[in-house]
C-alpha atoms as a PDB file:
ATOM      1  CA  MET A   1      79.538 129.226 113.073  1.00  0.00           C
ATOM      2  CA  ASP A   2      83.185 128.427 113.743  1.00  0.00           C
ATOM      3  CA  GLU A   3      84.888 130.294 116.568  1.00  0.00           C
ATOM      4  CA  ILE A   4      88.199 132.011 115.829  1.00  0.00           C
ATOM      5  CA  LEU A   5      90.245 132.890 118.909  1.00  0.00           C
ATOM      6  CA  LEU A   6      91.675 136.422 118.867  1.00  0.00           C
ATOM      7  CA  ASN A   7      94.802 136.693 121.016  1.00  0.00           C
ATOM      8  CA  GLY A   8      96.617 139.839 122.129  1.00  0.00           C
ATOM      9  CA  GLY A   9      95.430 143.375 122.647  1.00  0.00           C
ATOM     10  CA  ASN A  10      93.931 144.327 125.991  1.00  0.00           C
ATOM     11  CA  ALA A  11      91.817 141.179 126.367  1.00  0.00           C
ATOM     12  CA  SER A  12      92.126 139.497 129.760  1.00  0.00           C
ATOM     13  CA  ASP A  13      92.088 136.184 127.917  1.00  0.00           C
ATOM     14  CA  CYS A  14      91.414 135.529 124.265  1.00  0.00           C
ATOM     15  CA  ALA A  15      88.444 137.122 122.541  1.00  0.00           C
ATOM     16  CA  VAL A  16      86.086 135.251 120.221  1.00  0.00           C
ATOM     17  CA  PRO A  17      84.157 136.843 117.335  1.00  0.00           C
ATOM     18  CA  VAL A  18      80.444 135.984 117.430  1.00  0.00           C
ATOM     19  CA  GLY A  19      78.441 137.412 114.547  1.00  0.00           C
ATOM     20  CA  SER A  20      79.180 141.137 114.387  1.00  0.00           C
ATOM     21  CA  THR A  21      80.524 141.263 117.969  1.00  0.00           C
ATOM     22  CA  ASP A  22      83.662 140.167 119.787  1.00  0.00           C
ATOM     23  CA  ARG A  23      83.318 138.424 123.158  1.00  0.00           C
ATOM     24  CA  LYS A  24      85.871 138.100 125.942  1.00  0.00           C
ATOM     25  CA  PRO A  25      85.730 136.813 129.504  1.00  0.00           C
ATOM     26  CA  TRP A  26      83.882 138.940 132.063  1.00  0.00           C
ATOM     27  CA  THR A  27      86.136 140.238 134.843  1.00  0.00           C
ATOM     28  CA  ALA A  28      85.679 142.756 137.678  1.00  0.00           C
ATOM     29  CA  THR A  29      86.423 145.721 135.364  1.00  0.00           C
ATOM     30  CA  PRO A  30      83.654 145.646 132.687  1.00  0.00           C
ATOM     31  CA  PRO A  31      80.824 147.071 134.824  1.00  0.00           C
ATOM     32  CA  ARG A  32      82.825 150.271 135.474  1.00  0.00           C
ATOM     33  CA  VAL A  33      84.034 150.500 131.882  1.00  0.00           C
ATOM     34  CA  LEU A  34      80.525 149.994 130.480  1.00  0.00           C
ATOM     35  CA  THR A  35      79.147 152.671 132.830  1.00  0.00           C
ATOM     36  CA  TYR A  36      81.880 155.056 131.667  1.00  0.00           C
ATOM     37  CA  MET A  37      81.239 154.289 127.984  1.00  0.00           C
ATOM     38  CA  LYS A  38      77.506 154.916 128.464  1.00  0.00           C
ATOM     39  CA  ALA A  39      78.244 158.290 130.114  1.00  0.00           C
ATOM     40  CA  VAL A  40      80.558 159.258 127.246  1.00  0.00           C
ATOM     41  CA  ASN A  41      77.927 158.211 124.709  1.00  0.00           C
ATOM     42  CA  ASP A  42      75.243 160.166 126.609  1.00  0.00           C
ATOM     43  CA  ALA A  43      77.512 163.230 126.202  1.00  0.00           C
ATOM     44  CA  SER A  44      77.167 162.794 122.407  1.00  0.00           C
ATOM     45  CA  VAL A  45      80.579 161.229 121.886  1.00  0.00           C
ATOM     46  CA  ASP A  46      80.519 158.301 119.461  1.00  0.00           C
ATOM     47  CA  VAL A  47      81.781 155.137 121.179  1.00  0.00           C
ATOM     48  CA  PRO A  48      81.419 151.463 120.246  1.00  0.00           C
ATOM     49  CA  ALA A  49      78.099 149.908 121.220  1.00  0.00           C
ATOM     50  CA  VAL A  50      78.138 148.035 124.508  1.00  0.00           C
ATOM     51  CA  TYR A  51      75.953 145.028 125.091  1.00  0.00           C
ATOM     52  CA  GLY A  52      76.890 144.021 128.630  1.00  0.00           C
ATOM     53  CA  GLN A  53      77.113 140.359 129.545  1.00  0.00           C
ATOM     54  CA  ASP A  54      75.821 137.535 127.343  1.00  0.00           C
ATOM     55  CA  ALA A  55      74.081 134.334 128.445  1.00  0.00           C
ATOM     56  CA  GLN A  56      77.447 132.539 128.661  1.00  0.00           C
ATOM     57  CA  GLY A  57      78.896 135.201 130.971  1.00  0.00           C
ATOM     58  CA  ALA A  58      81.134 136.871 128.381  1.00  0.00           C
ATOM     59  CA  GLN A  59      81.569 140.590 127.770  1.00  0.00           C
END
């Protein structure tokens, strides 16, 4: 699968689509954001699925 770099938005660097997900570099912020998103989802608010960190270290 070819990678297409996605520039702009709130990505700390460029994001790359992989299958049905978009990946971007892991920074210090994602653990807190993912915890927050899980709490919001647990409160029955629909949020995008979070998958954590992949084998290459991307979010």
